[in-house]
Amino acid sequence: MSRIRTFAAAAGLALAFGMAPAQAANVFRFAFQGDIKSLDPYSLKESFTIGMHAAVYEALITRDKDLNLAPGLAESWETPEPTRWRFHLRKNVSFHDGSPFTADDVLFSADRVRAAGSSFTTNIPSDAKFVKVDDHTVDMVLSKPNPIAVYQFSTWYIMSKAWAEKNNAVAPSPVSAASPSYATLHENGTGPFVITEHQPGVRTIFKKFPGYWGKVESNLDEAVFTTISNDATRVAALLGGEVDWIDPVPLQDQQRVNASGNATVMTGPELRTIFLGMDQVRDELKDSSIKGKNPFKDVRVREAMYLAIDEDTIAKRVMRGQATPTALMIAPSLYARSAEFKRPTTDAKRAKALLAEAGYPDGFTVPMDCPNDRYVNDEAICQAVVSMLARVGVKVNLNAQPKAKYFAKVLAPNYDTAFYLLGWTPSSQDSHNILYEMVGCRTDPKSSRGGWNLGGYCNTKLDAIADQVEGETDQAKRDAEIKEGFEILQKDWAVIPLHQQALAWGVSKTVTLTQRPDNLLLLYWVSKKP
């Protein structure tokens, strides 16, 4: 959009507040510890960024306040036959540049979201073919029945074909791109807000879109986002009334916020699982003291890493009790048989014995990638892991950095990591997402399988189970198949699940909003007392 102003350089917090526009009728100011890396809705599959994109872009199918599927740009859908989904598109919907939304935009977006550089390739079934029936009807044809085919549609946002072609933005811009594309710095969605200013790393301004097709619960005229990476500064901004919402509220500051009288900590369980992963694909572990081989390819080493890490201590001390240790890569509320899995007991003595048995009696060194502005106490968790592994002889060189640099390093196509911390919320709210996207083999360059499998773990039996799970309609059989898949993960010691963190939003008492367990801040549900 030509009216959007973009700035390449970051400014200080004082400048960000000082440059704020004249007071609009009703302005919501909010701050997050990280930034909005890109306005391209296919660039980064990360919750805060997805929530910000949802203010300006829309999906065919969305999710309501209880995370149930709900109509979006598709006012209804049906399955006239088991392998065909038909979407009836809304009429009289316009993009922010005034151009009409049609079936052509859906077909274009279906191709773009699965193109190289997209972080959302698995949001649409890989075998799906989109067919235009007419300007407001689209069919999705599959090669086999898939009962969860639309479960991830809520974070697949529709883009304008004409706008992307006009601005040389047909290809998605990956988070690791050396230079920004037009779609990285500009937007043109159909959503209830437009972005009128975007200073990467500093501030983004959202304003109400007067041509929006639907009704919005929000009474906001404007929303101003500011990046405040420092915890103390972020809390001070909330308590001082400079912002109306922050995330996260550091654990040590929550009591103070609740006692302030003008703000409160809004808490709740989160679906996100925090876990550790290890490079299991390279023949030589990068930047390690071990040359010529990769210790993490040995299951005994992976088991030793797992047993050396005391998650109970992390949950109690680092997370101050606001985390639930987990044995699985998915929140218990999303899998009916999760209680059947137990986390193994921490055993440093056994870990040392396993390392010696694998040929590393003196341990080894390994670098660790960790974000320091993405998850609750992320760097502190990594520091605790470093200390715990040192006790069994594994020396970890911690590389903690802002999420923009972290994701650019560890994500596709680079996968430049040996050992890492990551958090994941399955956008489908289903275990198949974990089995396919997080731990599926990424050996086929033409497949979207394993797109977020940073460590390259691969078990073809697990892939076969994931394919069964995808098409299974009998829930009991499906749950049994999922259990078999998770048992394989445990037997292989493929990843190290840590915990599900708790949500902790700092919210002004002048604001009402909806907090879902997927941790998306959705501006169209935010209202503020004028």
Protein backbone atom coordinates (compact mmCIF):
# COMPACT_ATOMS: atom_id res chain seq x y z
CA MET A 1 0.00 0.00 0.00
CA SER A 2 1.47 3.31 -1.05
CA ARG A 3 0.38 5.14 2.09
CA ILE A 4 2.43 2.94 4.40
CA ARG A 5 5.67 4.44 5.61
CA THR A 6 8.48 2.06 6.37
CA PHE A 7 11.70 2.61 8.24
CA ALA A 8 14.71 0.37 8.18
CA ALA A 9 16.48 1.72 11.26
CA ALA A 10 15.37 1.04 14.83
CA ALA A 11 14.96 3.87 17.30
CA GLY A 12 14.98 3.93 21.08
CA LEU A 13 11.91 3.43 23.25
CA ALA A 14 11.67 7.10 24.12
CA LEU A 15 11.70 7.99 20.44
CA ALA A 16 9.03 5.38 19.75
CA PHE A 17 6.71 6.93 22.31
CA GLY A 18 7.74 10.48 21.47
CA MET A 19 6.89 10.04 17.79
CA ALA A 20 3.38 8.81 18.54
CA PRO A 21 0.70 10.47 16.44
CA ALA A 22 -1.88 12.86 17.81
CA GLN A 23 -4.32 11.16 20.16
CA ALA A 24 -7.05 9.40 18.20
CA ALA A 25 -10.52 8.78 19.59
CA ASN A 26 -9.66 5.45 21.15
CA VAL A 27 -6.08 4.18 21.08
CA PHE A 28 -4.81 0.86 22.42
CA ARG A 29 -1.07 0.81 23.08
CA PHE A 30 0.66 -2.51 23.59
CA ALA A 31 4.16 -3.94 23.90
CA PHE A 32 5.79 -7.30 23.38
CA GLN A 33 9.32 -8.43 24.21
CA GLY A 34 10.05 -9.12 20.54
CA ASP A 35 9.20 -7.41 17.29
CA ILE A 36 7.06 -8.01 14.22
CA LYS A 37 9.74 -9.38 11.95
CA SER A 38 7.70 -9.25 8.76
CA LEU A 39 4.28 -8.24 7.45
CA ASP A 40 4.35 -11.12 4.97
CA PRO A 41 1.78 -13.52 6.47
CA TYR A 42 3.74 -16.57 5.28
CA SER A 43 7.14 -15.53 6.63
CA LEU A 44 7.21 -16.79 10.22
CA LYS A 45 5.03 -19.33 12.01
CA GLU A 46 5.27 -17.68 15.40
CA SER A 47 2.28 -16.91 17.61
CA PHE A 48 2.71 -13.19 18.26
CA THR A 49 3.42 -12.49 14.59
CA ILE A 50 0.43 -14.61 13.53
CA GLY A 51 -1.82 -12.65 15.89
CA MET A 52 -0.62 -9.35 14.45
CA HIS A 53 -1.22 -10.55 10.90
CA ALA A 54 -4.76 -11.54 11.92
CA ALA A 55 -5.61 -7.88 12.44
CA VAL A 56 -5.10 -7.13 8.75
CA TYR A 57 -5.34 -10.47 6.93
CA GLU A 58 -8.09 -13.08 7.11
CA ALA A 59 -8.46 -16.82 6.57
CA LEU A 60 -11.16 -18.81 4.82
CA ILE A 61 -11.92 -20.52 8.12
CA THR A 62 -11.06 -18.99 11.48
CA ARG A 63 -11.42 -20.05 15.13
CA ASP A 64 -13.76 -18.56 17.71
CA LYS A 65 -13.02 -17.66 21.32
CA ASP A 66 -13.20 -21.33 22.28
CA LEU A 67 -10.91 -22.37 19.40
CA ASN A 68 -13.74 -23.98 17.46
CA LEU A 69 -13.71 -23.65 13.68
CA ALA A 70 -15.81 -20.70 12.46
CA PRO A 71 -16.58 -18.98 9.14
CA GLY A 72 -14.09 -16.44 7.84
CA LEU A 73 -13.76 -15.38 4.23
CA ALA A 74 -15.63 -18.59 3.50
CA GLU A 75 -19.13 -18.07 4.84
CA SER A 76 -19.71 -21.84 4.64
CA TRP A 77 -18.08 -25.05 3.46
CA GLU A 78 -19.10 -28.62 2.74
CA THR A 79 -17.75 -31.97 1.56
CA PRO A 80 -19.90 -33.05 -1.42
CA GLU A 81 -17.69 -36.13 -1.63
CA PRO A 82 -15.01 -37.52 0.74
CA THR A 83 -12.09 -36.08 -1.23
CA ARG A 84 -13.66 -32.74 -2.19
CA TRP A 85 -14.15 -29.71 0.04
CA ARG A 86 -16.24 -26.84 -1.32
CA PHE A 87 -15.87 -23.31 0.05
CA HIS A 88 -18.53 -20.69 -0.52
CA LEU A 89 -16.76 -17.33 -0.41
CA ARG A 90 -18.17 -14.11 0.97
CA LYS A 91 -19.28 -11.57 -1.59
CA ASN A 92 -18.72 -7.81 -1.44
CA VAL A 93 -15.42 -8.18 0.42
CA SER A 94 -12.62 -5.77 -0.51
CA PHE A 95 -8.91 -5.72 0.12
CA HIS A 96 -7.52 -2.59 1.75
CA ASP A 97 -6.55 -1.18 -1.66
CA GLY A 98 -10.19 -1.41 -2.75
CA SER A 99 -9.86 -4.41 -5.08
CA PRO A 100 -12.48 -7.19 -4.72
CA PHE A 101 -11.77 -10.53 -3.03
CA THR A 102 -12.48 -13.47 -5.38
CA ALA A 103 -11.69 -17.12 -5.94
CA ASP A 104 -8.57 -16.12 -7.88
CA ASP A 105 -7.04 -14.80 -4.65
CA VAL A 106 -7.69 -18.12 -2.92
CA LEU A 107 -6.01 -20.11 -5.69
CA PHE A 108 -3.06 -17.71 -5.70
CA SER A 109 -2.70 -17.90 -1.90
CA ALA A 110 -2.87 -21.70 -1.99
CA ASP A 111 0.12 -21.75 -4.32
CA ARG A 112 2.04 -19.02 -2.51
CA VAL A 113 1.67 -20.51 0.97
CA ARG A 114 3.19 -23.79 -0.25
CA ALA A 115 6.02 -22.16 -2.21
CA ALA A 116 9.67 -22.13 -1.23
CA GLY A 117 10.30 -19.58 1.49
CA SER A 118 6.95 -20.03 3.23
CA SER A 119 6.87 -21.01 6.89
CA PHE A 120 3.28 -22.27 6.51
CA THR A 121 3.65 -24.98 3.87
CA THR A 122 1.90 -27.59 6.02
CA ASN A 123 -1.21 -25.47 6.64
CA ILE A 124 -2.73 -26.98 3.50
CA PRO A 125 -2.60 -30.71 2.73
CA SER A 126 0.32 -31.32 0.38
CA ASP A 127 -1.87 -33.21 -2.10
CA ALA A 128 -4.57 -30.52 -2.26
CA LYS A 129 -5.53 -29.08 -5.63
CA PHE A 130 -7.63 -25.92 -5.65
CA VAL A 131 -10.19 -25.48 -8.41
CA LYS A 132 -12.16 -22.35 -9.20
CA VAL A 133 -15.85 -23.20 -9.62
CA ASP A 134 -16.89 -19.58 -10.03
CA ASP A 135 -15.79 -16.20 -8.65
CA HIS A 136 -17.09 -17.05 -5.19
CA THR A 137 -16.81 -20.83 -5.03
CA VAL A 138 -13.62 -22.86 -4.66
CA ASP A 139 -13.10 -26.62 -4.44
CA MET A 140 -10.19 -28.27 -2.69
CA VAL A 141 -9.64 -31.72 -4.18
CA LEU A 142 -7.60 -34.29 -2.26
CA SER A 143 -6.12 -37.61 -3.34
CA LYS A 144 -7.57 -39.33 -0.26
CA PRO A 145 -10.03 -38.48 2.54
CA ASN A 146 -8.59 -36.20 5.21
CA PRO A 147 -10.86 -35.34 8.17
CA ILE A 148 -8.44 -32.69 9.47
CA ALA A 149 -7.75 -31.05 6.11
CA VAL A 150 -8.95 -27.60 7.26
CA TYR A 151 -7.71 -27.69 10.86
CA GLN A 152 -4.81 -25.32 10.08
CA PHE A 153 -6.71 -22.99 7.78
CA SER A 154 -7.21 -20.44 10.56
CA THR A 155 -3.59 -19.27 10.22
CA TRP A 156 -3.48 -19.44 6.42
CA TYR A 157 -4.28 -15.87 5.45
CA ILE A 158 -5.54 -14.94 2.00
CA MET A 159 -3.53 -12.45 -0.06
CA SER A 160 -4.43 -10.39 -3.12
CA LYS A 161 -3.16 -11.96 -6.33
CA ALA A 162 -3.19 -8.65 -8.23
CA TRP A 163 -1.41 -6.76 -5.45
CA ALA A 164 1.32 -9.39 -5.07
CA GLU A 165 1.93 -9.50 -8.82
CA LYS A 166 1.96 -5.71 -9.10
CA ASN A 167 4.53 -5.37 -6.31
CA ASN A 168 6.80 -8.28 -7.24
CA ALA A 169 5.74 -10.20 -4.14
CA VAL A 170 4.49 -13.42 -5.72
CA ALA A 171 7.08 -15.46 -3.82
CA PRO A 172 6.93 -15.53 -0.01
CA SER A 173 9.77 -13.82 1.80
CA PRO A 174 11.46 -16.16 4.33
CA VAL A 175 12.53 -14.83 7.71
CA SER A 176 16.16 -15.44 6.71
CA ALA A 177 15.94 -13.22 3.61
CA ALA A 178 18.89 -10.84 3.33
CA SER A 179 16.74 -8.00 2.01
CA PRO A 180 13.02 -7.33 2.59
CA SER A 181 10.43 -7.78 -0.11
CA TYR A 182 7.50 -5.43 -0.65
CA ALA A 183 5.23 -7.80 1.30
CA THR A 184 7.68 -7.79 4.19
CA LEU A 185 7.15 -4.07 4.76
CA HIS A 186 3.60 -3.55 3.45
CA GLU A 187 0.21 -5.24 3.76
CA ASN A 188 -2.98 -5.51 1.77
CA GLY A 189 -5.47 -7.75 3.53
CA THR A 190 -9.22 -7.84 3.99
CA GLY A 191 -9.13 -7.56 7.79
CA PRO A 192 -10.67 -5.00 10.16
CA PHE A 193 -7.43 -3.02 10.56
CA VAL A 194 -4.89 -1.50 8.18
CA ILE A 195 -1.25 -0.86 8.98
CA THR A 196 -0.40 2.79 8.40
CA GLU A 197 3.13 2.74 9.75
CA HIS A 198 5.67 -0.01 10.24
CA GLN A 199 9.09 0.57 11.79
CA PRO A 200 10.62 -2.90 12.11
CA GLY A 201 11.88 -3.48 15.62
CA VAL A 202 10.31 -0.30 16.95
CA ARG A 203 6.66 0.40 16.27
CA THR A 204 3.70 -0.58 14.11
CA ILE A 205 0.44 1.36 13.91
CA PHE A 206 -2.91 -0.27 13.13
CA LYS A 207 -5.99 1.78 12.26
CA LYS A 208 -9.60 0.74 11.81
CA PHE A 209 -10.44 -0.13 8.20
CA PRO A 210 -13.63 1.75 7.30
CA GLY A 211 -14.42 -0.60 4.40
CA TYR A 212 -14.43 -3.79 6.45
CA TRP A 213 -17.17 -6.24 5.42
CA GLY A 214 -18.17 -7.44 8.90
CA LYS A 215 -18.94 -6.31 12.41
CA VAL A 216 -16.10 -6.08 14.92
CA GLU A 217 -16.37 -6.38 18.70
CA SER A 218 -13.46 -3.99 19.16
CA ASN A 219 -14.14 -0.28 19.70
CA LEU A 220 -10.56 0.70 18.84
CA ASP A 221 -9.82 3.42 16.33
CA GLU A 222 -6.11 2.77 16.50
CA ALA A 223 -3.62 0.34 18.03
CA VAL A 224 0.06 1.18 18.51
CA PHE A 225 2.53 -1.65 18.97
CA THR A 226 5.96 -1.01 20.47
CA THR A 227 8.81 -3.44 20.95
CA ILE A 228 10.11 -3.30 24.55
CA SER A 229 12.66 -6.03 25.02
CA ASN A 230 13.73 -5.10 28.55
CA ASP A 231 11.51 -6.70 31.20
CA ALA A 232 11.74 -3.86 33.74
CA THR A 233 11.04 -1.21 31.10
CA ARG A 234 8.07 -3.15 29.78
CA VAL A 235 6.51 -3.50 33.25
CA ALA A 236 7.18 0.18 34.03
CA ALA A 237 5.44 1.18 30.81
CA LEU A 238 2.34 -0.79 31.85
CA LEU A 239 2.27 0.52 35.40
CA GLY A 240 2.94 4.07 34.19
CA GLY A 241 0.03 3.94 31.75
CA GLU A 242 2.21 4.30 28.64
CA VAL A 243 0.90 0.97 27.35
CA ASP A 244 -2.31 -0.95 27.99
CA TRP A 245 -1.01 -4.50 27.44
CA ILE A 246 2.32 -6.29 27.73
CA ASP A 247 3.53 -9.84 27.21
CA PRO A 248 5.01 -11.46 29.08
CA VAL A 249 4.86 -10.16 32.63
CA PRO A 250 8.04 -11.53 34.25
CA LEU A 251 7.26 -14.00 37.00
CA GLN A 252 8.97 -11.85 39.63
CA ASP A 253 6.81 -8.81 38.75
CA GLN A 254 3.37 -10.39 38.68
CA GLN A 255 2.49 -9.67 42.29
CA ARG A 256 3.51 -6.03 41.86
CA VAL A 257 1.36 -5.65 38.75
CA ASN A 258 -1.67 -7.18 40.48
CA ALA A 259 -1.19 -4.84 43.45
CA SER A 260 -0.84 -1.73 41.30
CA GLY A 261 -4.54 -0.94 41.14
CA ASN A 262 -4.43 0.05 37.46
CA ALA A 263 -3.42 -3.24 35.83
CA THR A 264 -3.73 -6.96 36.36
CA VAL A 265 -1.96 -10.13 35.25
CA MET A 266 -4.22 -12.20 33.04
CA THR A 267 -3.11 -15.82 33.36
CA GLY A 268 -4.19 -19.14 31.96
CA PRO A 269 -2.86 -22.44 30.63
CA GLU A 270 -1.10 -22.29 27.28
CA LEU A 271 -1.07 -24.92 24.57
CA ARG A 272 2.57 -24.23 23.75
CA THR A 273 5.17 -26.86 24.62
CA ILE A 274 8.74 -25.75 25.32
CA PHE A 275 11.27 -28.38 24.28
CA LEU A 276 14.89 -29.04 23.33
CA GLY A 277 16.07 -30.51 20.06
CA MET A 278 19.36 -31.98 18.83
CA ASP A 279 20.94 -32.10 15.38
CA GLN A 280 20.66 -35.72 14.25
CA VAL A 281 21.28 -35.27 10.54
CA ARG A 282 24.81 -33.88 10.12
CA ASP A 283 27.68 -36.36 10.02
CA GLU A 284 29.76 -33.97 12.11
CA LEU A 285 28.26 -31.90 14.90
CA LYS A 286 28.85 -28.23 14.14
CA ASP A 287 31.27 -26.29 16.35
CA SER A 288 31.75 -29.21 18.73
CA SER A 289 34.88 -30.64 20.31
CA ILE A 290 34.05 -33.93 18.60
CA LYS A 291 35.36 -34.05 15.05
CA GLY A 292 34.38 -36.45 12.31
CA LYS A 293 31.12 -37.61 13.85
CA ASN A 294 27.92 -36.46 15.49
CA PRO A 295 27.29 -37.71 19.05
CA PHE A 296 23.56 -36.96 18.76
CA LYS A 297 23.18 -39.70 16.15
CA ASP A 298 23.74 -42.15 19.01
CA VAL A 299 20.52 -42.88 20.91
CA ARG A 300 22.51 -43.35 24.09
CA VAL A 301 23.77 -39.77 23.92
CA ARG A 302 20.27 -38.44 23.34
CA GLU A 303 18.99 -40.43 26.32
CA ALA A 304 21.85 -39.07 28.42
CA MET A 305 20.96 -35.49 27.47
CA TYR A 306 17.34 -36.12 28.45
CA LEU A 307 18.18 -37.77 31.79
CA ALA A 308 20.64 -35.03 32.75
CA ILE A 309 18.05 -32.25 32.58
CA ASP A 310 16.00 -31.76 35.74
CA GLU A 311 12.74 -30.29 34.42
CA ASP A 312 11.11 -30.34 37.86
CA THR A 313 13.74 -27.90 39.08
CA ILE A 314 13.27 -25.73 35.99
CA ALA A 315 9.52 -25.63 36.58
CA LYS A 316 9.84 -24.82 40.27
CA ARG A 317 12.78 -22.41 40.31
CA VAL A 318 13.20 -20.90 36.87
CA MET A 319 9.47 -20.79 36.10
CA ARG A 320 8.43 -20.21 39.73
CA GLY A 321 5.78 -22.89 39.55
CA GLN A 322 4.09 -21.44 36.46
CA ALA A 323 4.90 -24.32 34.14
CA THR A 324 3.67 -27.89 33.87
CA PRO A 325 6.37 -30.50 33.16
CA THR A 326 5.44 -32.70 30.22
CA ALA A 327 6.43 -35.99 28.65
CA LEU A 328 4.84 -35.13 25.31
CA MET A 329 5.19 -32.56 22.57
CA ILE A 330 1.52 -31.66 22.85
CA ALA A 331 -0.58 -30.13 25.62
CA PRO A 332 -2.66 -32.67 27.60
CA SER A 333 -5.91 -30.95 26.64
CA LEU A 334 -5.23 -31.71 22.96
CA TYR A 335 -4.70 -35.47 23.29
CA ALA A 336 -7.08 -37.71 25.23
CA ARG A 337 -4.44 -40.33 26.14
CA SER A 338 -1.71 -37.97 27.27
CA ALA A 339 -1.97 -39.17 30.88
CA GLU A 340 -0.60 -42.56 29.78
CA PHE A 341 2.82 -40.99 29.20
CA LYS A 342 5.21 -40.23 32.05
CA ARG A 343 8.38 -38.21 32.04
CA PRO A 344 11.48 -40.29 32.91
CA THR A 345 13.13 -39.52 36.22
CA THR A 346 16.21 -37.31 36.10
CA ASP A 347 19.30 -39.47 36.59
CA ALA A 348 22.69 -37.79 36.22
CA LYS A 349 24.56 -40.95 37.20
CA ARG A 350 22.85 -42.94 34.46
CA ALA A 351 23.46 -40.09 32.00
CA LYS A 352 27.21 -40.18 32.66
CA ALA A 353 27.27 -43.95 32.26
CA LEU A 354 25.43 -43.70 28.92
CA LEU A 355 27.91 -41.08 27.65
CA ALA A 356 30.83 -43.32 28.63
CA GLU A 357 29.18 -46.30 26.98
CA ALA A 358 28.74 -44.27 23.79
CA GLY A 359 32.46 -43.38 23.78
CA TYR A 360 32.34 -39.97 25.50
CA PRO A 361 33.52 -40.60 29.06
CA ASP A 362 34.76 -37.00 29.29
CA GLY A 363 31.73 -35.58 27.56
CA PHE A 364 31.99 -33.06 24.72
CA THR A 365 31.25 -29.45 23.86
CA VAL A 366 28.26 -28.29 21.82
CA PRO A 367 26.79 -24.88 20.93
CA MET A 368 23.18 -24.15 21.90
CA ASP A 369 20.82 -21.73 20.16
CA CYS A 370 18.24 -20.03 22.33
CA PRO A 371 15.93 -17.03 21.85
CA ASN A 372 16.02 -14.43 24.61
CA ASP A 373 12.82 -12.54 23.82
CA ARG A 374 10.28 -15.13 22.74
CA TYR A 375 9.18 -17.49 25.52
CA VAL A 376 8.73 -17.02 29.25
CA ASN A 377 12.23 -17.03 30.81
CA ASP A 378 13.66 -18.59 27.65
CA GLU A 379 17.27 -17.57 28.25
CA ALA A 380 17.05 -18.50 31.93
CA ILE A 381 15.80 -21.96 30.96
CA CYS A 382 18.75 -22.38 28.61
CA GLN A 383 21.18 -21.23 31.30
CA ALA A 384 19.73 -23.85 33.66
CA VAL A 385 20.14 -26.52 30.96
CA VAL A 386 23.77 -25.46 30.47
CA SER A 387 24.42 -25.93 34.19
CA MET A 388 22.69 -29.31 34.36
CA LEU A 389 24.52 -30.74 31.36
CA ALA A 390 27.86 -29.54 32.72
CA ARG A 391 27.37 -31.91 35.64
CA VAL A 392 27.54 -34.90 33.28
CA GLY A 393 30.46 -33.56 31.25
CA VAL A 394 28.63 -31.89 28.35
CA LYS A 395 29.88 -28.31 28.01
CA VAL A 396 27.32 -26.11 26.28
CA ASN A 397 28.29 -22.82 24.67
CA LEU A 398 25.09 -20.78 24.85
CA ASN A 399 24.14 -18.50 21.96
CA ALA A 400 21.10 -16.54 23.20
CA GLN A 401 19.85 -13.81 20.87
CA PRO A 402 16.69 -11.95 19.84
CA LYS A 403 14.09 -14.07 18.09
CA ALA A 404 14.57 -12.35 14.72
CA LYS A 405 18.21 -13.46 14.56
CA TYR A 406 17.48 -16.79 16.22
CA PHE A 407 14.75 -17.84 13.77
CA ALA A 408 16.74 -16.63 10.76
CA LYS A 409 19.56 -18.93 11.88
CA VAL A 410 17.72 -22.10 12.86
CA LEU A 411 14.83 -22.25 10.39
CA ALA A 412 14.74 -23.53 6.82
CA PRO A 413 16.60 -23.43 4.58
CA ASN A 414 19.60 -23.11 6.88
CA TYR A 415 18.69 -25.34 9.83
CA ASP A 416 21.91 -23.96 11.28
CA THR A 417 21.79 -25.40 14.78
CA ALA A 418 23.32 -28.23 16.77
CA PHE A 419 21.22 -27.97 19.93
CA TYR A 420 18.30 -25.62 20.47
CA LEU A 421 15.30 -24.55 22.53
CA LEU A 422 11.97 -24.04 20.79
CA GLY A 423 8.31 -23.60 21.69
CA TRP A 424 5.42 -24.98 19.64
CA THR A 425 1.65 -24.65 19.58
CA PRO A 426 0.06 -26.92 16.95
CA SER A 427 -2.04 -24.61 14.80
CA SER A 428 -4.34 -27.53 13.99
CA GLN A 429 -4.89 -28.20 17.74
CA ASP A 430 -4.10 -31.82 16.82
CA SER A 431 -1.31 -34.36 17.35
CA HIS A 432 -0.88 -34.94 13.62
CA ASN A 433 0.72 -31.50 13.40
CA ILE A 434 3.46 -32.65 15.78
CA LEU A 435 4.04 -35.99 14.06
CA TYR A 436 4.16 -34.46 10.59
CA GLU A 437 5.62 -31.01 10.99
CA MET A 438 7.86 -31.23 14.07
CA VAL A 439 9.35 -34.73 13.90
CA GLY A 440 8.61 -35.93 10.38
CA CYS A 441 11.52 -36.80 8.09
CA ARG A 442 12.61 -33.82 6.03
CA THR A 443 14.41 -35.99 3.49
CA ASP A 444 12.11 -35.20 0.56
CA PRO A 445 12.76 -31.64 -0.72
CA LYS A 446 9.40 -31.69 -2.53
CA SER A 447 7.47 -32.45 0.66
CA SER A 448 6.43 -30.09 3.46
CA ARG A 449 6.92 -32.87 6.00
CA GLY A 450 9.34 -31.95 8.79
CA GLY A 451 9.43 -28.26 7.95
CA TRP A 452 9.97 -27.37 11.62
CA ASN A 453 12.10 -30.43 12.39
CA LEU A 454 15.20 -28.35 13.05
CA GLY A 455 17.28 -31.30 14.24
CA GLY A 456 16.52 -33.53 11.26
CA TYR A 457 15.35 -36.54 13.31
CA CYS A 458 13.92 -39.20 10.99
CA ASN A 459 12.04 -42.44 11.52
CA THR A 460 10.13 -43.73 8.49
CA LYS A 461 7.86 -45.87 10.68
CA LEU A 462 6.76 -42.71 12.46
CA ASP A 463 6.06 -41.05 9.10
CA ALA A 464 3.86 -43.98 8.11
CA ILE A 465 1.93 -43.63 11.37
CA ALA A 466 1.50 -39.89 10.78
CA ASP A 467 -0.03 -40.66 7.39
CA GLN A 468 -2.44 -43.11 9.02
CA VAL A 469 -3.40 -40.55 11.63
CA GLU A 470 -4.10 -37.94 8.95
CA GLY A 471 -6.78 -40.01 7.27
CA GLU A 472 -8.23 -41.96 10.22
CA THR A 473 -11.88 -41.15 11.00
CA ASP A 474 -12.38 -43.59 13.90
CA GLN A 475 -11.34 -41.60 16.98
CA ALA A 476 -10.39 -44.60 19.12
CA LYS A 477 -8.18 -46.01 16.36
CA ARG A 478 -6.74 -42.57 15.73
CA ASP A 479 -5.82 -42.07 19.40
CA ALA A 480 -4.15 -45.50 19.41
CA GLU A 481 -2.12 -44.61 16.32
CA ILE A 482 -1.07 -41.31 17.89
CA LYS A 483 0.02 -43.18 21.02
CA GLU A 484 2.15 -45.52 18.93
CA GLY A 485 3.79 -42.51 17.29
CA PHE A 486 4.58 -40.82 20.59
CA GLU A 487 5.97 -44.10 21.96
CA ILE A 488 8.40 -44.22 19.03
CA LEU A 489 9.52 -40.67 19.83
CA GLN A 490 10.16 -41.64 23.43
CA LYS A 491 12.01 -44.82 22.52
CA ASP A 492 14.24 -42.87 20.14
CA TRP A 493 14.76 -40.05 22.67
CA ALA A 494 14.17 -37.87 19.62
CA VAL A 495 13.42 -34.61 21.45
CA ILE A 496 13.38 -33.40 25.05
CA PRO A 497 9.96 -32.01 26.02
CA LEU A 498 10.23 -29.65 28.99
CA HIS A 499 6.93 -28.01 29.92
CA GLN A 500 3.83 -26.11 28.95
CA GLN A 501 4.32 -22.54 30.11
CA ALA A 502 1.54 -20.41 31.59
CA LEU A 503 0.18 -17.31 29.91
CA ALA A 504 0.93 -14.04 31.71
CA TRP A 505 -0.45 -10.93 30.03
CA GLY A 506 -0.31 -7.58 31.77
CA VAL A 507 -3.57 -5.78 31.02
CA SER A 508 -4.76 -2.30 31.96
CA LYS A 509 -8.04 -2.24 33.86
CA THR A 510 -9.40 0.06 31.15
CA VAL A 511 -9.16 -2.79 28.62
CA THR A 512 -11.29 -5.86 27.95
CA LEU A 513 -10.04 -8.60 25.64
CA THR A 514 -10.04 -12.34 24.99
CA GLN A 515 -7.14 -14.56 26.01
CA ARG A 516 -7.14 -17.91 24.24
CA PRO A 517 -4.75 -20.71 25.21
CA ASP A 518 -3.03 -20.41 21.82
CA ASN A 519 -1.61 -17.04 23.05
CA LEU A 520 -2.73 -14.97 20.06
CA LEU A 521 -3.50 -11.33 20.81
CA LEU A 522 -6.37 -10.59 18.43
CA LEU A 523 -7.09 -6.88 18.11
CA TYR A 524 -10.62 -7.43 16.84
CA TRP A 525 -11.56 -8.65 20.34
CA VAL A 526 -9.89 -5.76 22.20
CA SER A 527 -11.92 -2.86 23.57
CA LYS A 528 -10.87 0.09 25.70
CA LYS A 529 -12.79 2.57 27.77
CA PRO A 530 -12.57 5.94 25.95
